[in-house]
N, C-alpha and C. Protein backbone atom coordinates (compact mmCIF):
# COMPACT_ATOMS: atom_id res chain seq x y z
N UNK A 1 68.15 15.51 12.55
CA UNK A 1 67.30 14.52 11.94
C UNK A 1 66.25 14.03 12.88
N UNK A 2 66.62 13.82 14.14
CA UNK A 2 65.64 13.30 15.11
C UNK A 2 64.60 14.34 15.47
N UNK A 3 64.94 15.62 15.39
CA UNK A 3 63.98 16.68 15.69
C UNK A 3 62.90 16.70 14.62
N UNK A 4 63.27 16.48 13.37
CA UNK A 4 62.28 16.43 12.28
C UNK A 4 61.38 15.23 12.42
N UNK A 5 61.94 14.09 12.82
CA UNK A 5 61.12 12.89 13.02
C UNK A 5 60.09 13.07 14.13
N UNK A 6 60.47 13.76 15.20
CA UNK A 6 59.54 14.00 16.27
C UNK A 6 58.39 14.95 15.80
N UNK A 7 58.74 15.92 15.02
CA UNK A 7 57.76 16.86 14.51
C UNK A 7 56.77 16.13 13.58
N UNK A 8 57.30 15.27 12.72
CA UNK A 8 56.41 14.52 11.81
C UNK A 8 55.51 13.53 12.59
N UNK A 9 56.08 12.91 13.61
CA UNK A 9 55.27 11.99 14.44
C UNK A 9 54.13 12.72 15.14
N UNK A 10 54.41 13.93 15.62
CA UNK A 10 53.36 14.72 16.30
C UNK A 10 52.28 15.15 15.34
N UNK A 11 52.67 15.51 14.11
CA UNK A 11 51.70 15.91 13.09
C UNK A 11 50.85 14.70 12.68
N UNK A 12 51.48 13.54 12.58
CA UNK A 12 50.72 12.32 12.25
C UNK A 12 49.69 12.01 13.34
N UNK A 13 50.11 12.11 14.60
CA UNK A 13 49.17 11.88 15.72
C UNK A 13 48.03 12.87 15.68
N UNK A 14 48.30 14.11 15.40
CA UNK A 14 47.25 15.14 15.31
C UNK A 14 46.32 14.84 14.15
N UNK A 15 46.86 14.43 13.01
CA UNK A 15 46.02 14.09 11.85
C UNK A 15 45.16 12.86 12.15
N UNK A 16 45.72 11.87 12.81
CA UNK A 16 44.96 10.67 13.18
C UNK A 16 43.84 11.01 14.16
N UNK A 17 44.13 11.90 15.12
CA UNK A 17 43.09 12.34 16.07
C UNK A 17 41.96 13.04 15.38
N UNK A 18 42.25 13.92 14.41
CA UNK A 18 41.20 14.65 13.70
C UNK A 18 40.40 13.69 12.80
N UNK A 19 41.09 12.68 12.22
CA UNK A 19 40.42 11.70 11.41
C UNK A 19 39.44 10.87 12.21
N UNK A 20 39.85 10.46 13.39
CA UNK A 20 38.96 9.67 14.26
C UNK A 20 37.76 10.53 14.69
N UNK A 21 38.01 11.77 14.99
CA UNK A 21 36.91 12.69 15.40
C UNK A 21 35.92 12.87 14.25
N UNK A 22 36.44 13.02 13.03
CA UNK A 22 35.59 13.18 11.84
C UNK A 22 34.74 11.94 11.60
N UNK A 23 35.34 10.76 11.75
CA UNK A 23 34.59 9.50 11.53
C UNK A 23 33.50 9.37 12.59
N UNK A 24 33.77 9.75 13.80
CA UNK A 24 32.77 9.66 14.88
C UNK A 24 31.60 10.58 14.59
N UNK A 25 31.88 11.80 14.16
CA UNK A 25 30.79 12.73 13.82
C UNK A 25 29.96 12.24 12.61
N UNK A 26 30.63 11.68 11.64
CA UNK A 26 29.91 11.12 10.50
C UNK A 26 29.00 9.96 10.92
N UNK A 27 29.51 9.09 11.78
CA UNK A 27 28.74 7.96 12.26
C UNK A 27 27.53 8.44 13.08
N UNK A 28 27.69 9.45 13.87
CA UNK A 28 26.58 9.99 14.67
C UNK A 28 25.49 10.57 13.77
N UNK A 29 25.88 11.32 12.74
CA UNK A 29 24.88 11.93 11.88
C UNK A 29 24.19 10.88 11.06
N UNK A 30 24.87 9.79 10.69
CA UNK A 30 24.23 8.73 9.92
C UNK A 30 23.25 7.96 10.82
N UNK A 31 23.67 7.64 12.03
CA UNK A 31 22.85 6.84 12.95
C UNK A 31 21.61 7.57 13.42
N UNK A 32 21.60 8.89 13.30
CA UNK A 32 20.39 9.67 13.65
C UNK A 32 19.24 9.32 12.71
N UNK A 33 19.54 9.05 11.44
CA UNK A 33 18.52 8.85 10.43
C UNK A 33 18.17 7.37 10.20
N UNK A 34 18.96 6.48 10.72
CA UNK A 34 18.72 5.04 10.48
C UNK A 34 17.64 4.52 11.44
N UNK A 35 16.65 3.83 10.88
CA UNK A 35 15.64 3.18 11.68
C UNK A 35 15.98 1.72 11.76
N UNK A 36 16.31 1.30 12.92
CA UNK A 36 16.62 -0.13 13.06
C UNK A 36 15.34 -0.89 13.41
N UNK A 37 15.12 -1.96 12.74
CA UNK A 37 13.98 -2.79 13.02
C UNK A 37 14.46 -4.20 13.35
N UNK A 38 13.92 -4.77 14.35
CA UNK A 38 14.22 -6.14 14.67
C UNK A 38 12.91 -6.81 15.07
N UNK A 39 12.82 -8.07 14.72
CA UNK A 39 11.58 -8.80 14.97
C UNK A 39 11.91 -9.99 15.89
N UNK A 40 10.92 -10.39 16.65
CA UNK A 40 11.07 -11.54 17.54
C UNK A 40 10.28 -12.71 16.99
N UNK A 41 10.49 -13.87 17.55
CA UNK A 41 9.75 -15.04 17.14
C UNK A 41 8.27 -14.81 17.43
N UNK A 42 7.41 -15.23 16.52
CA UNK A 42 5.94 -15.10 16.56
C UNK A 42 5.44 -13.70 16.22
N UNK A 43 6.32 -12.81 15.78
CA UNK A 43 5.84 -11.50 15.24
C UNK A 43 5.24 -11.71 13.84
N UNK A 44 4.24 -10.92 13.52
CA UNK A 44 3.67 -10.99 12.19
C UNK A 44 4.30 -9.91 11.33
N UNK A 45 4.67 -10.26 10.10
CA UNK A 45 5.38 -9.34 9.22
C UNK A 45 4.82 -9.43 7.78
N UNK A 46 5.03 -8.35 7.03
CA UNK A 46 4.81 -8.36 5.58
C UNK A 46 6.13 -8.68 4.94
N UNK A 47 6.09 -9.34 3.77
CA UNK A 47 7.29 -9.66 3.02
C UNK A 47 7.17 -8.99 1.64
N UNK A 48 8.22 -8.38 1.18
CA UNK A 48 8.23 -7.71 -0.11
C UNK A 48 8.14 -8.79 -1.19
N UNK A 49 7.42 -8.49 -2.27
CA UNK A 49 7.38 -9.39 -3.40
C UNK A 49 8.71 -9.24 -4.14
N UNK A 50 9.48 -10.29 -4.23
CA UNK A 50 10.85 -10.15 -4.72
C UNK A 50 10.93 -9.89 -6.21
N UNK A 51 9.87 -10.03 -6.95
CA UNK A 51 9.86 -9.58 -8.32
C UNK A 51 9.32 -8.15 -8.32
N UNK A 52 10.12 -7.23 -7.76
CA UNK A 52 9.66 -5.90 -7.44
C UNK A 52 9.26 -5.09 -8.67
N UNK A 53 9.91 -5.25 -9.78
CA UNK A 53 9.58 -4.49 -10.96
C UNK A 53 8.43 -5.07 -11.76
N UNK A 54 8.04 -6.28 -11.44
CA UNK A 54 6.99 -7.00 -12.18
C UNK A 54 5.60 -6.38 -11.90
N UNK A 55 4.84 -6.16 -12.93
CA UNK A 55 3.49 -5.69 -12.80
C UNK A 55 2.54 -6.71 -13.36
N UNK A 56 1.53 -7.03 -12.60
CA UNK A 56 0.53 -7.99 -13.07
C UNK A 56 -0.35 -7.28 -14.08
N UNK A 57 -0.74 -7.97 -15.17
CA UNK A 57 -1.55 -7.34 -16.19
C UNK A 57 -2.95 -6.97 -15.71
N UNK A 58 -3.46 -7.74 -14.76
CA UNK A 58 -4.79 -7.46 -14.24
C UNK A 58 -4.80 -6.20 -13.39
N UNK A 59 -3.82 -6.05 -12.48
CA UNK A 59 -3.80 -4.90 -11.57
C UNK A 59 -3.05 -3.68 -12.13
N UNK A 60 -2.16 -3.91 -13.07
CA UNK A 60 -1.37 -2.78 -13.64
C UNK A 60 -0.50 -2.15 -12.59
N UNK A 61 -0.58 -0.81 -12.47
CA UNK A 61 0.26 -0.13 -11.50
C UNK A 61 -0.19 -0.31 -10.07
N UNK A 62 -1.35 -0.92 -9.87
CA UNK A 62 -1.83 -1.17 -8.53
C UNK A 62 -1.45 -2.57 -8.01
N UNK A 63 -0.47 -3.21 -8.64
CA UNK A 63 0.00 -4.50 -8.22
C UNK A 63 0.58 -4.36 -6.79
N UNK A 64 0.13 -5.24 -5.86
CA UNK A 64 0.63 -5.11 -4.49
C UNK A 64 2.15 -5.37 -4.43
N UNK A 65 2.83 -4.63 -3.60
CA UNK A 65 4.28 -4.77 -3.46
C UNK A 65 4.67 -5.65 -2.24
N UNK A 66 3.69 -5.85 -1.34
CA UNK A 66 3.96 -6.64 -0.15
C UNK A 66 2.97 -7.80 -0.11
N UNK A 67 3.42 -8.92 0.47
CA UNK A 67 2.52 -10.07 0.62
C UNK A 67 2.62 -10.57 2.04
N UNK A 68 1.56 -11.20 2.47
CA UNK A 68 1.63 -11.72 3.84
C UNK A 68 0.23 -11.74 4.42
N UNK A 69 0.10 -11.91 5.67
CA UNK A 69 1.15 -11.85 6.73
C UNK A 69 1.88 -13.17 6.86
N UNK A 70 3.10 -13.05 7.37
CA UNK A 70 3.94 -14.19 7.70
C UNK A 70 4.32 -14.13 9.15
N UNK A 71 4.59 -15.26 9.75
CA UNK A 71 5.02 -15.34 11.16
C UNK A 71 6.50 -15.64 11.19
N UNK A 72 7.24 -14.89 12.01
CA UNK A 72 8.66 -15.14 12.22
C UNK A 72 8.81 -16.41 13.07
N UNK A 73 9.53 -17.41 12.55
CA UNK A 73 9.70 -18.63 13.34
C UNK A 73 11.12 -18.77 13.85
N UNK A 74 12.08 -18.10 13.24
CA UNK A 74 13.46 -18.19 13.70
C UNK A 74 14.20 -16.90 13.36
N UNK A 75 15.01 -16.44 14.31
CA UNK A 75 15.80 -15.25 14.11
C UNK A 75 17.27 -15.70 13.99
N UNK A 76 17.92 -15.34 12.88
CA UNK A 76 19.29 -15.68 12.65
C UNK A 76 20.15 -14.46 12.84
N UNK A 77 21.47 -14.68 12.97
CA UNK A 77 22.36 -13.52 13.08
C UNK A 77 22.45 -12.82 11.76
N UNK A 78 22.83 -11.57 11.79
CA UNK A 78 22.96 -10.81 10.54
C UNK A 78 21.66 -10.30 9.98
N UNK A 79 20.65 -10.10 10.89
CA UNK A 79 19.35 -9.53 10.48
C UNK A 79 18.62 -10.41 9.44
N UNK A 80 18.66 -11.72 9.66
CA UNK A 80 18.00 -12.65 8.75
C UNK A 80 16.95 -13.42 9.54
N UNK A 81 15.83 -13.74 8.86
CA UNK A 81 14.69 -14.33 9.55
C UNK A 81 14.12 -15.51 8.78
N UNK A 82 13.63 -16.51 9.49
CA UNK A 82 12.92 -17.62 8.90
C UNK A 82 11.43 -17.32 9.02
N UNK A 83 10.65 -17.52 7.97
CA UNK A 83 9.25 -17.14 7.97
C UNK A 83 8.36 -18.35 7.70
N UNK A 84 7.12 -18.23 8.15
CA UNK A 84 6.09 -19.24 7.95
C UNK A 84 4.81 -18.49 7.61
N UNK A 85 4.08 -18.95 6.57
CA UNK A 85 2.84 -18.29 6.24
C UNK A 85 1.76 -18.73 7.22
N UNK A 86 0.58 -18.13 7.14
CA UNK A 86 -0.44 -18.36 8.09
C UNK A 86 -1.07 -19.75 7.98
N UNK A 87 -0.90 -20.45 6.85
CA UNK A 87 -1.41 -21.80 6.72
C UNK A 87 -0.42 -22.85 7.23
N UNK A 88 0.77 -22.42 7.67
CA UNK A 88 1.73 -23.36 8.25
C UNK A 88 2.88 -23.72 7.36
N UNK A 89 2.89 -23.27 6.11
CA UNK A 89 3.99 -23.59 5.19
C UNK A 89 5.20 -22.74 5.50
N UNK A 90 6.34 -23.37 5.63
CA UNK A 90 7.60 -22.64 5.92
C UNK A 90 8.20 -22.20 4.59
N UNK A 91 8.64 -20.94 4.52
CA UNK A 91 9.28 -20.48 3.27
C UNK A 91 10.60 -21.20 3.06
N UNK A 92 11.00 -21.34 1.81
CA UNK A 92 12.19 -22.09 1.43
C UNK A 92 13.47 -21.46 1.98
N UNK A 93 13.56 -20.17 1.87
CA UNK A 93 14.80 -19.52 2.22
C UNK A 93 14.58 -18.51 3.30
N UNK A 94 15.66 -18.13 3.99
CA UNK A 94 15.59 -17.08 4.98
C UNK A 94 15.57 -15.74 4.23
N UNK A 95 15.04 -14.73 4.87
CA UNK A 95 14.93 -13.44 4.22
C UNK A 95 15.59 -12.38 5.08
N UNK A 96 16.26 -11.43 4.42
CA UNK A 96 16.95 -10.35 5.09
C UNK A 96 15.91 -9.39 5.70
N UNK A 97 16.26 -8.79 6.83
CA UNK A 97 15.34 -7.89 7.54
C UNK A 97 14.95 -6.66 6.73
N UNK A 98 15.73 -6.26 5.76
CA UNK A 98 15.36 -5.07 4.98
C UNK A 98 14.22 -5.35 4.00
N UNK A 99 13.87 -6.63 3.83
CA UNK A 99 12.77 -6.97 2.93
C UNK A 99 11.49 -7.32 3.64
N UNK A 100 11.43 -7.10 4.94
CA UNK A 100 10.19 -7.32 5.69
C UNK A 100 9.87 -6.10 6.53
N UNK A 101 8.59 -5.95 6.86
CA UNK A 101 8.17 -4.87 7.74
C UNK A 101 7.05 -5.37 8.64
N UNK A 102 6.81 -4.65 9.72
CA UNK A 102 5.86 -5.09 10.71
C UNK A 102 4.44 -5.13 10.13
N UNK A 103 3.68 -6.11 10.52
CA UNK A 103 2.32 -6.29 10.04
C UNK A 103 1.38 -5.65 11.05
N UNK A 104 0.53 -4.78 10.56
CA UNK A 104 -0.54 -4.18 11.35
C UNK A 104 -1.84 -4.49 10.65
N UNK A 105 -2.82 -5.09 11.37
CA UNK A 105 -4.08 -5.43 10.71
C UNK A 105 -4.82 -4.21 10.23
N UNK A 106 -5.53 -4.36 9.12
CA UNK A 106 -6.31 -3.25 8.59
C UNK A 106 -7.54 -3.06 9.44
N UNK A 107 -8.24 -1.93 9.23
CA UNK A 107 -9.42 -1.66 10.01
C UNK A 107 -10.51 -2.68 9.74
N UNK A 108 -10.51 -3.28 8.52
CA UNK A 108 -11.53 -4.26 8.19
C UNK A 108 -11.29 -5.55 8.91
N UNK A 109 -10.04 -5.93 9.12
CA UNK A 109 -9.72 -7.14 9.86
C UNK A 109 -10.09 -6.96 11.32
N UNK A 110 -9.82 -5.78 11.89
CA UNK A 110 -10.23 -5.50 13.25
C UNK A 110 -11.74 -5.53 13.39
N UNK A 111 -12.44 -5.00 12.40
CA UNK A 111 -13.90 -4.98 12.39
C UNK A 111 -14.45 -6.41 12.38
N UNK A 112 -13.86 -7.26 11.54
CA UNK A 112 -14.31 -8.63 11.45
C UNK A 112 -14.07 -9.39 12.76
N UNK A 113 -12.94 -9.11 13.44
CA UNK A 113 -12.69 -9.74 14.73
C UNK A 113 -13.72 -9.33 15.77
N UNK A 114 -14.09 -8.02 15.75
CA UNK A 114 -15.08 -7.55 16.71
C UNK A 114 -16.44 -8.17 16.43
N UNK A 115 -16.77 -8.36 15.16
CA UNK A 115 -18.07 -8.98 14.80
C UNK A 115 -18.06 -10.41 15.29
N UNK A 116 -16.96 -11.11 15.10
CA UNK A 116 -16.87 -12.51 15.57
C UNK A 116 -17.01 -12.63 17.06
N UNK A 117 -16.45 -11.68 17.79
CA UNK A 117 -16.58 -11.71 19.23
C UNK A 117 -18.02 -11.42 19.67
N UNK A 118 -18.68 -10.51 19.00
CA UNK A 118 -20.05 -10.17 19.31
C UNK A 118 -21.05 -11.24 18.93
N UNK A 119 -20.83 -11.86 17.78
CA UNK A 119 -21.78 -12.85 17.26
C UNK A 119 -20.99 -14.14 16.97
N UNK A 120 -20.73 -14.95 17.97
CA UNK A 120 -19.92 -16.17 17.75
C UNK A 120 -20.57 -17.22 16.87
N UNK A 121 -21.90 -17.12 16.64
CA UNK A 121 -22.53 -18.12 15.80
C UNK A 121 -22.22 -17.93 14.32
N UNK A 122 -21.67 -16.79 13.91
CA UNK A 122 -21.33 -16.56 12.49
C UNK A 122 -20.04 -17.15 12.11
């Protein structure tokens, strides 16, 4: 009886070892494709419009899906952020990091900044 118990225990250990190895390989293949994003305080971000399926009658299918820019004012645990719009109004709720993305100014905004630097009287 004890010989059979030893054999079963060894098989269980072998099965557990292969299960752990399988989980590690699965985690590695998943983590290869995941893009982690994290933002710091004072970063500029776009925020998704939370009525994602809603289409404005004026724009139709060209309704913008992102709004902003917003400034990150506080970083919470669990990939959550507190945002503030550019006029200084703080948003009511914190937003999950999967609903924001990094803000990059458009070429026209860069062009306007260069014009302002060149001609400060305007």
